[in-house]
Protein backbone atom coordinates (compact mmCIF):
# COMPACT_ATOMS: atom_id res chain seq x y z
CA MET A 1 -15.45 6.18 23.53
CA GLY A 2 -13.13 7.78 20.97
CA HIS A 3 -13.08 7.35 17.23
CA TRP A 4 -10.26 7.77 14.72
CA VAL A 5 -10.64 9.10 11.18
CA CYS A 6 -8.23 10.21 8.48
CA SER A 7 -8.51 13.82 7.31
CA TYR A 8 -6.81 15.03 4.15
CA TYR A 9 -6.45 18.50 2.63
CA ASP A 10 -5.33 18.59 -1.01
CA THR A 11 -5.07 22.44 -1.07
CA GLN A 12 -8.55 22.65 -2.62
CA ASN A 13 -10.76 20.26 -0.65
CA ILE A 14 -10.88 18.73 2.81
CA PHE A 15 -11.79 15.06 2.97
CA ILE A 16 -12.73 12.97 6.01
CA TYR A 17 -12.19 9.25 5.51
CA ASP A 18 -14.36 7.64 8.19
CA SER A 19 -14.47 3.83 8.37
CA ALA A 20 -17.47 3.73 10.72
CA THR A 21 -20.66 2.35 9.23
CA ILE A 22 -22.72 4.90 11.17
CA LYS A 23 -21.35 8.39 10.74
CA THR A 24 -22.10 10.35 13.91
CA GLY A 25 -19.15 12.69 14.41
CA HIS A 26 -19.50 15.11 11.52
CA ILE A 27 -20.40 18.09 13.72
CA ASN A 28 -17.34 17.50 15.89
CA TYR A 29 -15.08 17.06 12.86
CA ASP A 30 -16.29 20.35 11.41
CA LYS A 31 -15.52 22.18 14.68
CA VAL A 32 -11.92 20.95 14.68
CA LEU A 33 -11.45 21.58 10.96
CA HIS A 34 -12.78 25.15 11.31
CA LYS A 35 -9.95 25.76 13.77
CA LEU A 36 -7.31 24.10 11.59
CA PHE A 37 -8.38 25.61 8.25
CA PRO A 38 -10.38 28.79 8.95
CA SER A 39 -9.81 30.30 5.49
CA TYR A 40 -11.18 27.17 3.79
CA PHE A 41 -14.62 27.79 5.27
CA LEU A 42 -14.61 31.52 4.49
CA LYS A 43 -15.07 30.61 0.82
CA GLY A 44 -18.16 28.58 1.69
CA ASP A 45 -16.48 25.26 0.92
CA VAL A 46 -17.76 22.15 2.67
CA VAL A 47 -15.96 19.09 3.97
CA GLN A 48 -16.31 16.00 1.80
CA TYR A 49 -17.01 12.57 3.27
CA PRO A 50 -16.13 10.01 0.58
CA ASN A 51 -17.70 6.56 0.57
CA ILE A 52 -14.94 4.17 1.67
CA HIS A 53 -14.42 0.59 2.88
CA CYS A 54 -16.03 0.35 6.33
CA GLN A 55 -14.98 -1.59 9.39
CA THR A 56 -17.19 -4.29 10.86
CA PRO A 57 -20.08 -2.66 12.76
CA GLY A 58 -19.38 -2.51 16.48
CA SER A 59 -15.66 -3.17 16.09
CA VAL A 60 -12.85 -1.01 17.42
CA ASP A 61 -10.74 -1.11 14.26
CA CYS A 62 -11.10 2.56 13.30
CA GLY A 63 -7.49 3.41 14.21
CA VAL A 64 -6.08 0.75 11.90
CA TYR A 65 -8.33 1.94 9.06
CA ALA A 66 -7.41 5.60 9.69
CA ILE A 67 -3.71 4.72 9.41
CA ALA A 68 -4.31 2.53 6.33
CA ASN A 69 -6.19 5.39 4.62
CA ALA A 70 -3.44 7.90 5.48
CA VAL A 71 -0.78 5.55 4.10
CA SER A 72 -2.83 4.94 0.95
CA LEU A 73 -3.08 8.69 0.36
CA ARG A 74 0.69 9.02 0.92
CA PHE A 75 1.27 6.52 -1.89
CA GLY A 76 -1.21 8.21 -4.25
CA LEU A 77 -3.97 5.66 -3.76
CA ASN A 78 -7.55 6.86 -3.44
CA PRO A 79 -9.29 5.27 -0.42
CA GLU A 80 -12.58 5.50 -2.33
CA HIS A 81 -11.22 2.93 -4.79
CA THR A 82 -9.61 0.67 -2.19
CA ILE A 83 -10.92 -2.44 -0.44
CA TYR A 84 -8.54 -3.49 2.31
CA GLU A 85 -7.89 -7.12 3.07
CA SER A 86 -8.96 -8.64 6.40
CA ILE A 87 -8.43 -6.68 9.60
CA GLU A 88 -6.01 -9.39 10.71
CA LYS A 89 -3.80 -8.72 7.66
CA LEU A 90 -4.06 -4.97 8.26
CA ARG A 91 -2.95 -5.40 11.87
CA GLU A 92 -0.05 -7.68 10.81
CA HIS A 93 1.03 -5.08 8.25
CA LEU A 94 0.89 -2.29 10.83
CA VAL A 95 3.15 -4.28 13.16
CA LYS A 96 5.60 -4.80 10.25
CA ILE A 97 5.64 -1.04 9.64
CA PHE A 98 6.37 -0.35 13.31
CA LEU A 99 9.12 -2.98 13.53
CA SER A 100 10.82 -2.18 10.22
CA GLU A 101 10.28 1.59 10.40
CA ILE A 102 9.46 1.42 6.68
CA ILE A 103 6.02 2.57 5.56
CA THR A 104 4.50 0.54 2.74
CA PRO A 105 0.91 0.37 1.44
CA PHE A 106 -1.50 -1.85 3.33
CA PRO A 107 -2.76 -5.01 1.54
CA TYR A 108 -5.68 -4.06 -0.70
CA ILE A 109 -7.46 -4.64 -3.96
CA THR A 110 -9.07 -1.97 -6.09
CA ARG A 111 -12.80 -1.54 -5.70
CA THR A 112 -13.27 -2.35 -9.42
CA ALA A 113 -11.46 -5.69 -9.06
CA TYR A 114 -13.45 -6.46 -5.89
CA GLU A 115 -16.74 -5.70 -7.62
CA GLN A 116 -15.82 -7.89 -10.60
CA THR A 117 -14.99 -10.90 -8.38
CA ASN A 118 -18.16 -10.47 -6.29
CA GLU A 119 -20.74 -10.10 -9.07
């Protein structure tokens, strides 16, 4: 079974945003990234795996989360500080993007606001 993640290179660091609760693909990610960015690894830099909002364990929602994280990065939002709304709302938003051909941020709240309302 496949798994989707969002990778991001900011010209200094490579980040893998992985919504799975159990991270098992790091070795495979590194192999692909070594081919894409060989000079990055020559300096001894390592790939960073930020702590982000995870999908429900056992679900197959990784593709939606990978797209949501990529769109968040496009709009200058840090996925580490983002809690996405329900998967149903994310899927509805993705359909709207496809139909309208206009990319807009997925529904979210900041992690700080989420933590304050759930204390």
